[in-house]
Amino acid sequence: REGYVWAEDKEHCEEYGRMLSADPSKVSMRAKKRGL
């Protein structure tokens, strides 16, 4: 969406580059602070 990859990049990625079960609300603020 942000224009950093080509559409076909996803095709050649395990899980198409997205695990659908992800829930950011289960991640601590500390982890988000470190990751940002």
PDB file of all heavy atoms in Angstrom:
ATOM      1  N   ARG A   1       0.833  -1.213   0.000  1.00  0.00           N
ATOM      2  CA  ARG A   1       0.000   0.000   0.000  1.00  0.00           C
ATOM      3  C   ARG A   1       0.869   1.266   0.000  1.00  0.00           C
ATOM      4  O   ARG A   1       0.554   2.256  -0.649  1.00  0.00           O
ATOM      5  CB  ARG A   1      -0.900  -0.009   1.247  1.00  0.00           C
ATOM      6  CG  ARG A   1      -1.929   1.101   1.263  1.00  0.00           C
ATOM      7  CD  ARG A   1      -2.655   1.179   2.587  1.00  0.00           C
ATOM      8  NE  ARG A   1      -1.826   1.830   3.597  1.00  0.00           N
ATOM      9  CZ  ARG A   1      -2.125   1.863   4.893  1.00  0.00           C
ATOM     10  NH1 ARG A   1      -3.209   1.244   5.332  1.00  0.00           N
ATOM     11  NH2 ARG A   1      -1.344   2.484   5.758  1.00  0.00           N
ATOM     12  N   GLU A   2       1.990   1.193   0.725  1.00  0.00           N
ATOM     13  CA  GLU A   2       2.864   2.366   0.847  1.00  0.00           C
ATOM     14  C   GLU A   2       3.840   2.492  -0.328  1.00  0.00           C
ATOM     15  O   GLU A   2       4.638   3.422  -0.376  1.00  0.00           O
ATOM     16  CB  GLU A   2       3.655   2.306   2.167  1.00  0.00           C
ATOM     17  CG  GLU A   2       2.792   2.301   3.421  1.00  0.00           C
ATOM     18  CD  GLU A   2       1.972   3.584   3.582  1.00  0.00           C
ATOM     19  OE1 GLU A   2       2.532   4.670   3.362  1.00  0.00           O
ATOM     20  OE2 GLU A   2       0.775   3.480   3.916  1.00  0.00           O
ATOM     21  N   GLY A   3       3.807   1.506  -1.237  1.00  0.00           N
ATOM     22  CA  GLY A   3       4.630   1.607  -2.437  1.00  0.00           C
ATOM     23  C   GLY A   3       6.072   1.131  -2.277  1.00  0.00           C
ATOM     24  O   GLY A   3       6.942   1.482  -3.067  1.00  0.00           O
ATOM     25  N   TYR A   4       6.330   0.311  -1.237  1.00  0.00           N
ATOM     26  CA  TYR A   4       7.701  -0.163  -1.027  1.00  0.00           C
ATOM     27  C   TYR A   4       7.990  -1.493  -1.723  1.00  0.00           C
ATOM     28  O   TYR A   4       9.141  -1.894  -1.833  1.00  0.00           O
ATOM     29  CB  TYR A   4       8.014  -0.297   0.473  1.00  0.00           C
ATOM     30  CG  TYR A   4       8.032   1.035   1.175  1.00  0.00           C
ATOM     31  CD1 TYR A   4       7.134   1.326   2.197  1.00  0.00           C
ATOM     32  CD2 TYR A   4       8.940   2.021   0.793  1.00  0.00           C
ATOM     33  CE1 TYR A   4       7.144   2.557   2.834  1.00  0.00           C
ATOM     34  CE2 TYR A   4       8.954   3.260   1.420  1.00  0.00           C
ATOM     35  CZ  TYR A   4       8.053   3.522   2.443  1.00  0.00           C
ATOM     36  OH  TYR A   4       8.065   4.741   3.053  1.00  0.00           O
ATOM     37  N   VAL A   5       6.958  -2.210  -2.109  1.00  0.00           N
ATOM     38  CA  VAL A   5       7.202  -3.495  -2.792  1.00  0.00           C
ATOM     39  C   VAL A   5       6.383  -3.576  -4.072  1.00  0.00           C
ATOM     40  O   VAL A   5       5.472  -2.790  -4.286  1.00  0.00           O
ATOM     41  CB  VAL A   5       6.849  -4.728  -1.897  1.00  0.00           C
ATOM     42  CG1 VAL A   5       7.706  -4.770  -0.669  1.00  0.00           C
ATOM     43  CG2 VAL A   5       5.369  -4.766  -1.532  1.00  0.00           C
ATOM     44  N   TRP A   6       6.726  -4.565  -4.885  1.00  0.00           N
ATOM     45  CA  TRP A   6       5.948  -4.852  -6.079  1.00  0.00           C
ATOM     46  C   TRP A   6       4.885  -5.890  -5.704  1.00  0.00           C
ATOM     47  O   TRP A   6       5.113  -6.726  -4.823  1.00  0.00           O
ATOM     48  CB  TRP A   6       6.842  -5.435  -7.174  1.00  0.00           C
ATOM     49  CG  TRP A   6       7.987  -4.552  -7.560  1.00  0.00           C
ATOM     50  CD1 TRP A   6       8.158  -3.233  -7.242  1.00  0.00           C
ATOM     51  CD2 TRP A   6       9.144  -4.941  -8.323  1.00  0.00           C
ATOM     52  NE1 TRP A   6       9.350  -2.774  -7.776  1.00  0.00           N
ATOM     53  CE2 TRP A   6       9.963  -3.795  -8.437  1.00  0.00           C
ATOM     54  CE3 TRP A   6       9.553  -6.133  -8.930  1.00  0.00           C
ATOM     55  CZ2 TRP A   6      11.178  -3.816  -9.124  1.00  0.00           C
ATOM     56  CZ3 TRP A   6      10.750  -6.159  -9.613  1.00  0.00           C
ATOM     57  CH2 TRP A   6      11.556  -5.009  -9.714  1.00  0.00           C
ATOM     58  N   ALA A   7       3.763  -5.850  -6.411  1.00  0.00           N
ATOM     59  CA  ALA A   7       2.671  -6.792  -6.093  1.00  0.00           C
ATOM     60  C   ALA A   7       3.148  -8.243  -6.146  1.00  0.00           C
ATOM     61  O   ALA A   7       2.787  -9.059  -5.305  1.00  0.00           O
ATOM     62  CB  ALA A   7       1.517  -6.573  -7.060  1.00  0.00           C
ATOM     63  N   GLU A   8       4.019  -8.555  -7.139  1.00  0.00           N
ATOM     64  CA  GLU A   8       4.429  -9.970  -7.262  1.00  0.00           C
ATOM     65  C   GLU A   8       5.410 -10.411  -6.170  1.00  0.00           C
ATOM     66  O   GLU A   8       5.656 -11.602  -6.006  1.00  0.00           O
ATOM     67  CB  GLU A   8       4.995 -10.276  -8.654  1.00  0.00           C
ATOM     68  CG  GLU A   8       6.161  -9.420  -9.076  1.00  0.00           C
ATOM     69  CD  GLU A   8       5.707  -8.204  -9.877  1.00  0.00           C
ATOM     70  OE1 GLU A   8       4.618  -7.666  -9.602  1.00  0.00           O
ATOM     71  OE2 GLU A   8       6.445  -7.794 -10.782  1.00  0.00           O
ATOM     72  N   ASP A   9       5.974  -9.453  -5.403  1.00  0.00           N
ATOM     73  CA  ASP A   9       6.854  -9.844  -4.286  1.00  0.00           C
ATOM     74  C   ASP A   9       6.098 -10.743  -3.309  1.00  0.00           C
ATOM     75  O   ASP A   9       6.640 -11.703  -2.771  1.00  0.00           O
ATOM     76  CB  ASP A   9       7.357  -8.605  -3.514  1.00  0.00           C
ATOM     77  CG  ASP A   9       8.334  -7.764  -4.325  1.00  0.00           C
ATOM     78  OD1 ASP A   9       8.726  -8.198  -5.425  1.00  0.00           O
ATOM     79  OD2 ASP A   9       8.709  -6.673  -3.849  1.00  0.00           O
ATOM     80  N   LYS A  10       4.840 -10.387  -3.074  1.00  0.00           N
ATOM     81  CA  LYS A  10       4.016 -11.148  -2.116  1.00  0.00           C
ATOM     82  C   LYS A  10       3.829 -12.592  -2.548  1.00  0.00           C
ATOM     83  O   LYS A  10       3.810 -13.504  -1.724  1.00  0.00           O
ATOM     84  CB  LYS A  10       2.635 -10.503  -2.001  1.00  0.00           C
ATOM     85  CG  LYS A  10       2.538  -9.384  -1.010  1.00  0.00           C
ATOM     86  CD  LYS A  10       1.088  -8.947  -0.887  1.00  0.00           C
ATOM     87  CE  LYS A  10       0.242 -10.144  -0.485  1.00  0.00           C
ATOM     88  NZ  LYS A  10      -1.173  -9.881  -0.378  1.00  0.00           N
ATOM     89  N   GLU A  11       3.676 -12.790  -3.851  1.00  0.00           N
ATOM     90  CA  GLU A  11       3.448 -14.140  -4.378  1.00  0.00           C
ATOM     91  C   GLU A  11       4.582 -15.095  -4.000  1.00  0.00           C
ATOM     92  O   GLU A  11       4.389 -16.284  -3.854  1.00  0.00           O
ATOM     93  CB  GLU A  11       3.364 -14.102  -5.924  1.00  0.00           C
ATOM     94  CG  GLU A  11       2.193 -13.336  -6.463  1.00  0.00           C
ATOM     95  CD  GLU A  11       0.865 -13.979  -6.127  1.00  0.00           C
ATOM     96  OE1 GLU A  11       0.756 -15.206  -6.307  1.00  0.00           O
ATOM     97  OE2 GLU A  11      -0.041 -13.264  -5.667  1.00  0.00           O
ATOM     98  N   HIS A  12       5.789 -14.517  -3.917  1.00  0.00           N
ATOM     99  CA  HIS A  12       6.979 -15.340  -3.667  1.00  0.00           C
ATOM    100  C   HIS A  12       7.449 -15.229  -2.226  1.00  0.00           C
ATOM    101  O   HIS A  12       8.630 -15.171  -1.947  1.00  0.00           O
ATOM    102  CB  HIS A  12       8.098 -14.951  -4.637  1.00  0.00           C
ATOM    103  CG  HIS A  12       7.837 -15.433  -6.030  1.00  0.00           C
ATOM    104  ND1 HIS A  12       8.680 -15.187  -7.083  1.00  0.00           N
ATOM    105  CD2 HIS A  12       6.803 -16.161  -6.545  1.00  0.00           C
ATOM    106  CE1 HIS A  12       8.175 -15.747  -8.183  1.00  0.00           C
ATOM    107  NE2 HIS A  12       7.042 -16.330  -7.869  1.00  0.00           N
ATOM    108  N   CYS A  13       6.476 -15.188  -1.329  1.00  0.00           N
ATOM    109  CA  CYS A  13       6.806 -15.046   0.082  1.00  0.00           C
ATOM    110  C   CYS A  13       5.979 -16.045   0.888  1.00  0.00           C
ATOM    111  O   CYS A  13       4.789 -16.228   0.618  1.00  0.00           O
ATOM    112  CB  CYS A  13       6.470 -13.618   0.509  1.00  0.00           C
ATOM    113  SG  CYS A  13       7.045 -13.229   2.136  1.00  0.00           S
ATOM    114  N   GLU A  14       6.621 -16.705   1.833  1.00  0.00           N
ATOM    115  CA  GLU A  14       5.883 -17.621   2.719  1.00  0.00           C
ATOM    116  C   GLU A  14       4.709 -16.860   3.336  1.00  0.00           C
ATOM    117  O   GLU A  14       4.855 -15.699   3.737  1.00  0.00           O
ATOM    118  CB  GLU A  14       6.847 -18.100   3.815  1.00  0.00           C
ATOM    119  CG  GLU A  14       6.317 -19.245   4.630  1.00  0.00           C
ATOM    120  CD  GLU A  14       7.365 -19.824   5.580  1.00  0.00           C
ATOM    121  OE1 GLU A  14       8.576 -19.743   5.297  1.00  0.00           O
ATOM    122  OE2 GLU A  14       6.944 -20.369   6.593  1.00  0.00           O
ATOM    123  N   GLU A  15       3.542 -17.504   3.401  1.00  0.00           N
ATOM    124  CA  GLU A  15       2.314 -16.871   3.944  1.00  0.00           C
ATOM    125  C   GLU A  15       1.909 -15.608   3.177  1.00  0.00           C
ATOM    126  O   GLU A  15       1.151 -14.796   3.693  1.00  0.00           O
ATOM    127  CB  GLU A  15       2.510 -16.470   5.423  1.00  0.00           C
ATOM    128  CG  GLU A  15       2.763 -17.611   6.359  1.00  0.00           C
ATOM    129  CD  GLU A  15       1.526 -18.443   6.645  1.00  0.00           C
ATOM    130  OE1 GLU A  15       0.451 -17.866   6.877  1.00  0.00           O
ATOM    131  OE2 GLU A  15       1.650 -19.677   6.620  1.00  0.00           O
ATOM    132  N   TYR A  16       2.440 -15.424   1.960  1.00  0.00           N
ATOM    133  CA  TYR A  16       2.199 -14.185   1.194  1.00  0.00           C
ATOM    134  C   TYR A  16       2.562 -12.943   2.005  1.00  0.00           C
ATOM    135  O   TYR A  16       1.984 -11.875   1.843  1.00  0.00           O
ATOM    136  CB  TYR A  16       0.744 -14.124   0.696  1.00  0.00           C
ATOM    137  CG  TYR A  16       0.426 -15.285  -0.214  1.00  0.00           C
ATOM    138  CD1 TYR A  16      -0.326 -16.359   0.248  1.00  0.00           C
ATOM    139  CD2 TYR A  16       0.948 -15.348  -1.508  1.00  0.00           C
ATOM    140  CE1 TYR A  16      -0.561 -17.461  -0.569  1.00  0.00           C
ATOM    141  CE2 TYR A  16       0.706 -16.442  -2.326  1.00  0.00           C
ATOM    142  CZ  TYR A  16      -0.040 -17.503  -1.847  1.00  0.00           C
ATOM    143  OH  TYR A  16      -0.269 -18.587  -2.651  1.00  0.00           O
ATOM    144  N   GLY A  17       3.526 -13.126   2.929  1.00  0.00           N
ATOM    145  CA  GLY A  17       4.043 -11.966   3.670  1.00  0.00           C
ATOM    146  C   GLY A  17       3.100 -11.413   4.715  1.00  0.00           C
ATOM    147  O   GLY A  17       3.274 -10.286   5.189  1.00  0.00           O
ATOM    148  N   ARG A  18       2.093 -12.213   5.092  1.00  0.00           N
ATOM    149  CA  ARG A  18       1.152 -11.704   6.101  1.00  0.00           C
ATOM    150  C   ARG A  18       0.522 -12.857   6.876  1.00  0.00           C
ATOM    151  O   ARG A  18      -0.155 -13.697   6.288  1.00  0.00           O
ATOM    152  CB  ARG A  18       0.052 -10.894   5.415  1.00  0.00           C
ATOM    153  CG  ARG A  18      -1.011 -10.405   6.376  1.00  0.00           C
ATOM    154  CD  ARG A  18      -2.100  -9.610   5.671  1.00  0.00           C
ATOM    155  NE  ARG A  18      -3.017  -9.033   6.637  1.00  0.00           N
ATOM    156  CZ  ARG A  18      -4.034  -8.224   6.333  1.00  0.00           C
ATOM    157  NH1 ARG A  18      -4.241  -7.888   5.070  1.00  0.00           N
ATOM    158  NH2 ARG A  18      -4.834  -7.750   7.265  1.00  0.00           N
ATOM    159  N   MET A  19       0.719 -12.872   8.198  1.00  0.00           N
ATOM    160  CA  MET A  19       0.003 -13.848   9.023  1.00  0.00           C
ATOM    161  C   MET A  19      -1.304 -13.199   9.468  1.00  0.00           C
ATOM    162  O   MET A  19      -1.306 -12.163  10.141  1.00  0.00           O
ATOM    163  CB  MET A  19       0.852 -14.293  10.219  1.00  0.00           C
ATOM    164  CG  MET A  19       1.921 -15.287   9.800  1.00  0.00           C
ATOM    165  SD  MET A  19       2.892 -15.951  11.175  1.00  0.00           S
ATOM    166  CE  MET A  19       1.936 -17.403  11.622  1.00  0.00           C
ATOM    167  N   LEU A  20      -2.401 -13.810   9.054  1.00  0.00           N
ATOM    168  CA  LEU A  20      -3.722 -13.191   9.268  1.00  0.00           C
ATOM    169  C   LEU A  20      -4.140 -13.197  10.733  1.00  0.00           C
ATOM    170  O   LEU A  20      -5.037 -12.461  11.133  1.00  0.00           O
ATOM    171  CB  LEU A  20      -4.774 -13.908   8.413  1.00  0.00           C
ATOM    172  CG  LEU A  20      -4.542 -13.797   6.900  1.00  0.00           C
ATOM    173  CD1 LEU A  20      -5.470 -14.727   6.133  1.00  0.00           C
ATOM    174  CD2 LEU A  20      -4.722 -12.359   6.420  1.00  0.00           C
ATOM    175  N   SER A  21      -3.485 -14.044  11.536  1.00  0.00           N
ATOM    176  CA  SER A  21      -3.881 -14.141  12.951  1.00  0.00           C
ATOM    177  C   SER A  21      -3.279 -13.027  13.804  1.00  0.00           C
ATOM    178  O   SER A  21      -3.515 -12.964  15.005  1.00  0.00           O
ATOM    179  CB  SER A  21      -3.455 -15.499  13.511  1.00  0.00           C
ATOM    180  OG  SER A  21      -2.078 -15.715  13.222  1.00  0.00           O
ATOM    181  N   ALA A  22      -2.494 -12.130  13.187  1.00  0.00           N
ATOM    182  CA  ALA A  22      -1.812 -11.073  13.960  1.00  0.00           C
ATOM    183  C   ALA A  22      -2.822 -10.155  14.648  1.00  0.00           C
ATOM    184  O   ALA A  22      -3.820  -9.761  14.055  1.00  0.00           O
ATOM    185  CB  ALA A  22      -0.928 -10.249  13.020  1.00  0.00           C
ATOM    186  N   ASP A  23      -2.529  -9.843  15.911  1.00  0.00           N
ATOM    187  CA  ASP A  23      -3.373  -8.902  16.654  1.00  0.00           C
ATOM    188  C   ASP A  23      -2.463  -7.951  17.432  1.00  0.00           C
ATOM    189  O   ASP A  23      -1.944  -8.302  18.500  1.00  0.00           O
ATOM    190  CB  ASP A  23      -4.283  -9.682  17.615  1.00  0.00           C
ATOM    191  CG  ASP A  23      -5.219  -8.760  18.388  1.00  0.00           C
ATOM    192  OD1 ASP A  23      -5.014  -7.524  18.324  1.00  0.00           O
ATOM    193  OD2 ASP A  23      -6.130  -9.264  19.076  1.00  0.00           O
ATOM    194  N   PRO A  24      -2.255  -6.729  16.901  1.00  0.00           N
ATOM    195  CA  PRO A  24      -1.331  -5.781  17.548  1.00  0.00           C
ATOM    196  C   PRO A  24      -1.730  -5.425  18.980  1.00  0.00           C
ATOM    197  O   PRO A  24      -0.889  -5.014  19.770  1.00  0.00           O
ATOM    198  CB  PRO A  24      -1.386  -4.537  16.650  1.00  0.00           C
ATOM    199  CG  PRO A  24      -1.940  -5.019  15.344  1.00  0.00           C
ATOM    200  CD  PRO A  24      -2.818  -6.183  15.652  1.00  0.00           C
ATOM    201  N   SER A  25      -3.020  -5.618  19.328  1.00  0.00           N
ATOM    202  CA  SER A  25      -3.433  -5.266  20.700  1.00  0.00           C
ATOM    203  C   SER A  25      -2.846  -6.238  21.723  1.00  0.00           C
ATOM    204  O   SER A  25      -2.851  -5.968  22.918  1.00  0.00           O
ATOM    205  CB  SER A  25      -4.967  -5.241  20.803  1.00  0.00           C
ATOM    206  OG  SER A  25      -5.469  -6.568  20.754  1.00  0.00           O
ATOM    207  N   LYS A  26      -2.335  -7.371  21.259  1.00  0.00           N
ATOM    208  CA  LYS A  26      -1.720  -8.353  22.172  1.00  0.00           C
ATOM    209  C   LYS A  26      -0.223  -8.073  22.370  1.00  0.00           C
ATOM    210  O   LYS A  26       0.486  -8.854  23.004  1.00  0.00           O
ATOM    211  CB  LYS A  26      -1.896  -9.788  21.638  1.00  0.00           C
ATOM    212  CG  LYS A  26      -3.335 -10.196  21.391  1.00  0.00           C
ATOM    213  CD  LYS A  26      -4.152 -10.160  22.672  1.00  0.00           C
ATOM    214  CE  LYS A  26      -5.590 -10.616  22.429  1.00  0.00           C
ATOM    215  NZ  LYS A  26      -6.453 -10.292  23.575  1.00  0.00           N
ATOM    216  N   VAL A  27       0.254  -6.996  21.773  1.00  0.00           N
ATOM    217  CA  VAL A  27       1.685  -6.663  21.861  1.00  0.00           C
ATOM    218  C   VAL A  27       1.868  -5.527  22.860  1.00  0.00           C
ATOM    219  O   VAL A  27       1.117  -4.541  22.842  1.00  0.00           O
ATOM    220  CB  VAL A  27       2.204  -6.216  20.465  1.00  0.00           C
ATOM    221  CG1 VAL A  27       3.659  -5.761  20.548  1.00  0.00           C
ATOM    222  CG2 VAL A  27       2.060  -7.356  19.459  1.00  0.00           C
ATOM    223  N   SER A  28       2.861  -5.645  23.748  1.00  0.00           N
ATOM    224  CA  SER A  28       3.083  -4.635  24.787  1.00  0.00           C
ATOM    225  C   SER A  28       3.555  -3.311  24.182  1.00  0.00           C
ATOM    226  O   SER A  28       4.159  -3.281  23.116  1.00  0.00           O
ATOM    227  CB  SER A  28       4.128  -5.136  25.788  1.00  0.00           C
ATOM    228  OG  SER A  28       5.411  -5.189  25.164  1.00  0.00           O
ATOM    229  N   MET A  29       3.310  -2.234  24.924  1.00  0.00           N
ATOM    230  CA  MET A  29       3.786  -0.906  24.491  1.00  0.00           C
ATOM    231  C   MET A  29       5.309  -0.921  24.386  1.00  0.00           C
ATOM    232  O   MET A  29       5.891  -0.275  23.531  1.00  0.00           O
ATOM    233  CB  MET A  29       3.354   0.176  25.498  1.00  0.00           C
ATOM    234  CG  MET A  29       1.944   0.690  25.326  1.00  0.00           C
ATOM    235  SD  MET A  29       1.453   0.986  23.605  1.00  0.00           S
ATOM    236  CE  MET A  29       2.523   2.340  23.164  1.00  0.00           C
ATOM    237  N   ARG A  30       5.936  -1.659  25.282  1.00  0.00           N
ATOM    238  CA  ARG A  30       7.408  -1.688  25.291  1.00  0.00           C
ATOM    239  C   ARG A  30       7.945  -2.260  23.973  1.00  0.00           C
ATOM    240  O   ARG A  30       8.901  -1.756  23.399  1.00  0.00           O
ATOM    241  CB  ARG A  30       7.866  -2.526  26.488  1.00  0.00           C
ATOM    242  CG  ARG A  30       9.363  -2.552  26.598  1.00  0.00           C
ATOM    243  CD  ARG A  30       9.854  -2.636  28.009  1.00  0.00           C
ATOM    244  NE  ARG A  30      11.308  -2.494  27.976  1.00  0.00           N
ATOM    245  CZ  ARG A  30      12.123  -3.207  28.716  1.00  0.00           C
ATOM    246  NH1 ARG A  30      11.653  -4.080  29.564  1.00  0.00           N
ATOM    247  NH2 ARG A  30      13.424  -3.035  28.634  1.00  0.00           N
ATOM    248  N   ALA A  31       7.286  -3.346  23.509  1.00  0.00           N
ATOM    249  CA  ALA A  31       7.718  -3.962  22.240  1.00  0.00           C
ATOM    250  C   ALA A  31       7.526  -2.968  21.089  1.00  0.00           C
ATOM    251  O   ALA A  31       8.389  -2.817  20.223  1.00  0.00           O
ATOM    252  CB  ALA A  31       6.932  -5.235  21.976  1.00  0.00           C
ATOM    253  N   LYS A  32       6.374  -2.275  21.097  1.00  0.00           N
ATOM    254  CA  LYS A  32       6.096  -1.308  20.017  1.00  0.00           C
ATOM    255  C   LYS A  32       7.108  -0.160  20.033  1.00  0.00           C
ATOM    256  O   LYS A  32       7.569   0.296  18.997  1.00  0.00           O
ATOM    257  CB  LYS A  32       4.666  -0.776  20.140  1.00  0.00           C
ATOM    258  CG  LYS A  32       3.620  -1.830  19.766  1.00  0.00           C
ATOM    259  CD  LYS A  32       2.206  -1.371  20.067  1.00  0.00           C
ATOM    260  CE  LYS A  32       1.217  -2.488  19.771  1.00  0.00           C
ATOM    261  NZ  LYS A  32      -0.141  -2.177  20.222  1.00  0.00           N
ATOM    262  N   LYS A  33       7.451   0.266  21.251  1.00  0.00           N
ATOM    263  CA  LYS A  33       8.439   1.348  21.398  1.00  0.00           C
ATOM    264  C   LYS A  33       9.793   0.917  20.831  1.00  0.00           C
ATOM    265  O   LYS A  33      10.489   1.685  20.183  1.00  0.00           O
ATOM    266  CB  LYS A  33       8.589   1.688  22.883  1.00  0.00           C
ATOM    267  CG  LYS A  33       8.506   3.162  23.157  1.00  0.00           C
ATOM    268  CD  LYS A  33       8.828   3.471  24.616  1.00  0.00           C
ATOM    269  CE  LYS A  33       8.204   4.799  24.973  1.00  0.00           C
ATOM    270  NZ  LYS A  33       7.336   4.745  26.129  1.00  0.00           N
ATOM    271  N   ARG A  34      10.154  -0.340  21.108  1.00  0.00           N
ATOM    272  CA  ARG A  34      11.448  -0.834  20.602  1.00  0.00           C
ATOM    273  C   ARG A  34      11.411  -0.989  19.083  1.00  0.00           C
ATOM    274  O   ARG A  34      12.394  -0.756  18.400  1.00  0.00           O
ATOM    275  CB  ARG A  34      11.786  -2.193  21.244  1.00  0.00           C
ATOM    276  CG  ARG A  34      12.266  -2.093  22.675  1.00  0.00           C
ATOM    277  CD  ARG A  34      12.638  -3.446  23.245  1.00  0.00           C
ATOM    278  NE  ARG A  34      13.886  -3.980  22.689  1.00  0.00           N
ATOM    279  CZ  ARG A  34      14.421  -5.140  23.058  1.00  0.00           C
ATOM    280  NH1 ARG A  34      13.827  -5.884  23.974  1.00  0.00           N
ATOM    281  NH2 ARG A  34      15.545  -5.562  22.507  1.00  0.00           N
ATOM    282  N   GLY A  35      10.253  -1.400  18.567  1.00  0.00           N
ATOM    283  CA  GLY A  35      10.149  -1.694  17.141  1.00  0.00           C
ATOM    284  C   GLY A  35      10.030  -0.480  16.253  1.00  0.00           C
ATOM    285  O   GLY A  35      10.536  -0.462  15.130  1.00  0.00           O
ATOM    286  N   LEU A  36       9.363   0.559  16.760  1.00  0.00           N
ATOM    287  CA  LEU A  36       9.038   1.724  15.918  1.00  0.00           C
ATOM    288  C   LEU A  36      10.248   2.288  15.166  1.00  0.00           C
ATOM    289  O   LEU A  36      10.194   2.465  13.951  1.00  0.00           O
ATOM    290  CB  LEU A  36       8.350   2.807  16.760  1.00  0.00           C
ATOM    291  CG  LEU A  36       7.857   4.032  15.987  1.00  0.00           C
ATOM    292  CD1 LEU A  36       6.837   3.653  14.918  1.00  0.00           C
ATOM    293  CD2 LEU A  36       7.234   5.058  16.934  1.00  0.00           C
TER     294      LEU A  36
END
